Structures are given as C-alpha cells and as structure tokens.
C-alpha cells in the first residue's frame, strides 16, 4: 500500500519539476526547503514532514489531502 502512494508522489514531483525545467536545487530554493528534502521526496522516502511536502506541492498548485482508496489493495505487509 505505502509503496504505491510513495511512487505516485515521487513520480508527480519528478514530472512537474522536469516540465518546469527546474533543477532539484532550484526547486528546493523556490519551495523554501532543503535540497536533501527534494531528493528524499523524489526517491520515495516514506517518512516526510507533511508541512514541507505541502510547501513543495503548492508551487505546482497542489496539496496533500485524504483521498478514497481501493480497500481491496490493503495487505498485511
């Protein structure tokens, strides 16, 4: 379950960053977070501060929020 969410966020960030032609360093500066945080997000780190994730996502007009999920995908991993 977590890997799916992780890869969605990671892929979203990489795609948006590349579309806007920003380097990781430029994105970190514009979002007001550290370069390490951007790298962690893009690599799919599973323990990220939600407030910082939202700082980054706001640059692309998005934010974290609850969304429905397919309960059949839940496993005891």
N, C-alpha and C. Protein backbone atom coordinates (compact mmCIF):
# COMPACT_ATOMS: atom_id res chain seq x y z
N UNK A 1 0.83 -1.19 0.00
CA UNK A 1 0.00 0.00 0.00
C UNK A 1 0.87 1.25 0.00
N UNK A 2 1.83 1.34 0.90
CA UNK A 2 2.63 2.55 1.01
C UNK A 2 3.52 2.76 -0.21
N UNK A 3 3.99 1.69 -0.81
CA UNK A 3 4.83 1.84 -1.98
C UNK A 3 4.08 2.49 -3.13
N UNK A 4 2.81 2.18 -3.26
CA UNK A 4 2.01 2.77 -4.34
C UNK A 4 1.89 4.28 -4.13
N UNK A 5 1.56 4.71 -2.94
CA UNK A 5 1.43 6.13 -2.63
C UNK A 5 2.78 6.81 -2.81
N UNK A 6 3.80 6.19 -2.30
CA UNK A 6 5.15 6.73 -2.38
C UNK A 6 5.53 6.98 -3.83
N UNK A 7 5.34 6.03 -4.68
CA UNK A 7 5.76 6.18 -6.07
C UNK A 7 4.90 7.21 -6.80
N UNK A 8 3.62 7.34 -6.41
CA UNK A 8 2.78 8.36 -7.02
C UNK A 8 3.30 9.76 -6.71
N UNK A 9 3.63 10.02 -5.46
CA UNK A 9 4.14 11.33 -5.06
C UNK A 9 5.50 11.59 -5.70
N UNK A 10 6.35 10.61 -5.67
CA UNK A 10 7.67 10.74 -6.26
C UNK A 10 7.59 11.02 -7.75
N UNK A 11 6.78 10.26 -8.45
CA UNK A 11 6.63 10.44 -9.90
C UNK A 11 6.01 11.79 -10.22
N UNK A 12 5.02 12.20 -9.43
CA UNK A 12 4.38 13.50 -9.64
C UNK A 12 5.41 14.62 -9.53
N UNK A 13 6.21 14.58 -8.46
CA UNK A 13 7.19 15.63 -8.25
C UNK A 13 8.22 15.67 -9.37
N UNK A 14 8.75 14.52 -9.73
CA UNK A 14 9.75 14.47 -10.80
C UNK A 14 9.19 15.02 -12.11
N UNK A 15 7.96 14.61 -12.44
CA UNK A 15 7.34 15.06 -13.68
C UNK A 15 7.14 16.58 -13.68
N UNK A 16 6.58 17.10 -12.60
CA UNK A 16 6.33 18.55 -12.52
C UNK A 16 7.63 19.33 -12.55
N UNK A 17 8.65 18.84 -11.87
CA UNK A 17 9.93 19.54 -11.85
C UNK A 17 10.56 19.58 -13.24
N UNK A 18 10.46 18.47 -13.95
CA UNK A 18 11.04 18.42 -15.29
C UNK A 18 10.26 19.27 -16.29
N UNK A 19 8.93 19.28 -16.15
CA UNK A 19 8.10 20.12 -17.03
C UNK A 19 8.45 21.59 -16.85
N UNK A 20 8.69 21.99 -15.61
CA UNK A 20 9.03 23.38 -15.34
C UNK A 20 10.51 23.68 -15.51
N UNK A 21 11.28 22.66 -15.90
CA UNK A 21 12.71 22.78 -16.16
C UNK A 21 13.49 23.34 -14.97
N UNK A 22 13.13 22.85 -13.79
CA UNK A 22 13.84 23.23 -12.57
C UNK A 22 14.79 22.11 -12.16
N UNK A 23 15.94 22.49 -11.67
CA UNK A 23 16.82 21.50 -11.07
C UNK A 23 16.30 21.22 -9.67
N UNK A 24 16.79 20.18 -9.05
CA UNK A 24 16.39 19.89 -7.67
C UNK A 24 16.78 21.05 -6.76
N UNK A 25 17.94 21.61 -6.99
CA UNK A 25 18.42 22.73 -6.18
C UNK A 25 17.52 23.95 -6.34
N UNK A 26 17.12 24.26 -7.57
CA UNK A 26 16.24 25.40 -7.82
C UNK A 26 14.87 25.19 -7.17
N UNK A 27 14.34 23.98 -7.28
CA UNK A 27 13.05 23.67 -6.67
C UNK A 27 13.13 23.81 -5.16
N UNK A 28 14.18 23.31 -4.56
CA UNK A 28 14.36 23.42 -3.11
C UNK A 28 14.37 24.89 -2.69
N UNK A 29 15.09 25.72 -3.42
CA UNK A 29 15.16 27.14 -3.09
C UNK A 29 13.80 27.81 -3.21
N UNK A 30 13.11 27.57 -4.32
CA UNK A 30 11.79 28.19 -4.54
C UNK A 30 10.77 27.74 -3.51
N UNK A 31 10.86 26.49 -3.07
CA UNK A 31 9.90 25.95 -2.10
C UNK A 31 10.28 26.30 -0.67
N UNK A 32 11.51 26.71 -0.44
CA UNK A 32 11.95 27.02 0.91
C UNK A 32 12.26 25.80 1.74
N UNK A 33 12.71 24.74 1.07
CA UNK A 33 13.12 23.52 1.76
C UNK A 33 14.55 23.20 1.34
N UNK A 34 15.14 22.24 2.02
CA UNK A 34 16.50 21.85 1.68
C UNK A 34 16.56 20.93 0.47
N UNK A 35 17.73 20.94 -0.17
CA UNK A 35 17.96 20.06 -1.32
C UNK A 35 17.77 18.60 -0.93
N UNK A 36 18.22 18.24 0.25
CA UNK A 36 18.08 16.85 0.73
C UNK A 36 16.61 16.44 0.77
N UNK A 37 15.73 17.38 1.18
CA UNK A 37 14.31 17.08 1.26
C UNK A 37 13.75 16.77 -0.13
N UNK A 38 14.13 17.55 -1.12
CA UNK A 38 13.66 17.30 -2.50
C UNK A 38 14.15 15.94 -2.97
N UNK A 39 15.40 15.64 -2.71
CA UNK A 39 15.95 14.34 -3.10
C UNK A 39 15.20 13.20 -2.41
N UNK A 40 14.93 13.37 -1.12
CA UNK A 40 14.18 12.35 -0.38
C UNK A 40 12.79 12.15 -0.98
N UNK A 41 12.11 13.25 -1.32
CA UNK A 41 10.78 13.14 -1.93
C UNK A 41 10.84 12.39 -3.25
N UNK A 42 11.79 12.75 -4.08
CA UNK A 42 11.89 12.11 -5.40
C UNK A 42 12.32 10.65 -5.31
N UNK A 43 13.01 10.29 -4.26
CA UNK A 43 13.42 8.91 -4.08
C UNK A 43 12.37 8.08 -3.35
N UNK A 44 11.27 8.72 -2.96
CA UNK A 44 10.17 7.99 -2.35
C UNK A 44 10.33 7.70 -0.87
N UNK A 45 11.06 8.54 -0.16
CA UNK A 45 11.19 8.33 1.28
C UNK A 45 9.80 8.32 1.90
N UNK A 46 9.55 7.36 2.79
CA UNK A 46 8.21 7.18 3.33
C UNK A 46 7.94 8.02 4.58
N UNK A 47 8.95 8.63 5.16
CA UNK A 47 8.74 9.45 6.35
C UNK A 47 9.15 10.89 6.05
N UNK A 48 8.20 11.65 5.54
CA UNK A 48 8.43 13.05 5.21
C UNK A 48 7.47 13.92 6.00
N UNK A 49 7.89 15.11 6.35
CA UNK A 49 7.01 16.05 7.06
C UNK A 49 5.96 16.57 6.08
N UNK A 50 4.70 16.43 6.47
CA UNK A 50 3.61 16.83 5.58
C UNK A 50 3.63 18.33 5.30
N UNK A 51 4.00 19.15 6.28
CA UNK A 51 4.03 20.59 6.03
C UNK A 51 5.05 20.94 4.96
N UNK A 52 6.18 20.26 4.97
CA UNK A 52 7.20 20.52 3.95
C UNK A 52 6.78 19.97 2.59
N UNK A 53 6.13 18.82 2.59
CA UNK A 53 5.62 18.28 1.33
C UNK A 53 4.66 19.28 0.72
N UNK A 54 3.78 19.85 1.53
CA UNK A 54 2.83 20.84 1.03
C UNK A 54 3.53 22.11 0.53
N UNK A 55 4.63 22.51 1.15
CA UNK A 55 5.38 23.65 0.66
C UNK A 55 5.83 23.42 -0.77
N UNK A 56 6.29 22.23 -1.04
CA UNK A 56 6.76 21.89 -2.39
C UNK A 56 5.57 21.78 -3.34
N UNK A 57 4.54 21.07 -2.94
CA UNK A 57 3.39 20.85 -3.83
C UNK A 57 2.67 22.15 -4.18
N UNK A 58 2.66 23.13 -3.26
CA UNK A 58 2.00 24.40 -3.53
C UNK A 58 2.57 25.10 -4.76
N UNK A 59 3.84 24.91 -5.02
CA UNK A 59 4.45 25.52 -6.21
C UNK A 59 3.79 25.04 -7.49
N UNK A 60 3.19 23.86 -7.44
CA UNK A 60 2.53 23.26 -8.60
C UNK A 60 1.01 23.28 -8.47
N UNK A 61 0.51 24.05 -7.49
CA UNK A 61 -0.93 24.18 -7.32
C UNK A 61 -1.61 22.97 -6.72
N UNK A 62 -0.90 22.22 -5.88
CA UNK A 62 -1.45 21.01 -5.27
C UNK A 62 -1.19 21.01 -3.77
N UNK A 63 -1.86 20.10 -3.07
CA UNK A 63 -1.64 19.90 -1.65
C UNK A 63 -2.02 18.48 -1.27
N UNK A 64 -1.48 18.03 -0.15
CA UNK A 64 -1.85 16.71 0.38
C UNK A 64 -3.24 16.77 0.98
N UNK A 65 -4.01 15.72 0.81
CA UNK A 65 -5.30 15.60 1.48
C UNK A 65 -5.76 14.16 1.41
N UNK A 66 -6.68 13.80 2.27
CA UNK A 66 -7.20 12.42 2.24
C UNK A 66 -7.91 12.15 0.91
N UNK A 67 -7.74 10.95 0.43
CA UNK A 67 -8.46 10.56 -0.78
C UNK A 67 -8.91 9.11 -0.61
N UNK A 68 -10.01 8.76 -1.26
CA UNK A 68 -10.50 7.38 -1.14
C UNK A 68 -9.50 6.40 -1.74
N UNK A 69 -9.52 5.21 -1.21
CA UNK A 69 -8.63 4.18 -1.74
C UNK A 69 -9.38 2.89 -1.94
N UNK A 70 -8.82 2.06 -2.78
CA UNK A 70 -9.39 0.74 -3.05
C UNK A 70 -9.00 -0.17 -1.89
N UNK A 71 -9.94 -0.49 -1.03
CA UNK A 71 -9.64 -1.30 0.16
C UNK A 71 -9.18 -2.71 -0.20
N UNK A 72 -9.46 -3.16 -1.40
CA UNK A 72 -9.02 -4.50 -1.81
C UNK A 72 -7.50 -4.55 -1.98
N UNK A 73 -6.84 -3.39 -2.05
CA UNK A 73 -5.39 -3.34 -2.19
C UNK A 73 -4.66 -3.39 -0.86
N UNK A 74 -5.40 -3.33 0.23
CA UNK A 74 -4.78 -3.39 1.56
C UNK A 74 -4.20 -4.77 1.80
N UNK A 75 -3.00 -4.79 2.35
CA UNK A 75 -2.36 -6.06 2.69
C UNK A 75 -1.73 -5.93 4.07
N UNK A 76 -1.30 -7.01 4.60
CA UNK A 76 -0.64 -7.01 5.91
C UNK A 76 0.88 -6.97 5.76
N UNK A 77 1.38 -6.10 4.93
CA UNK A 77 2.84 -6.01 4.70
C UNK A 77 3.54 -5.41 5.87
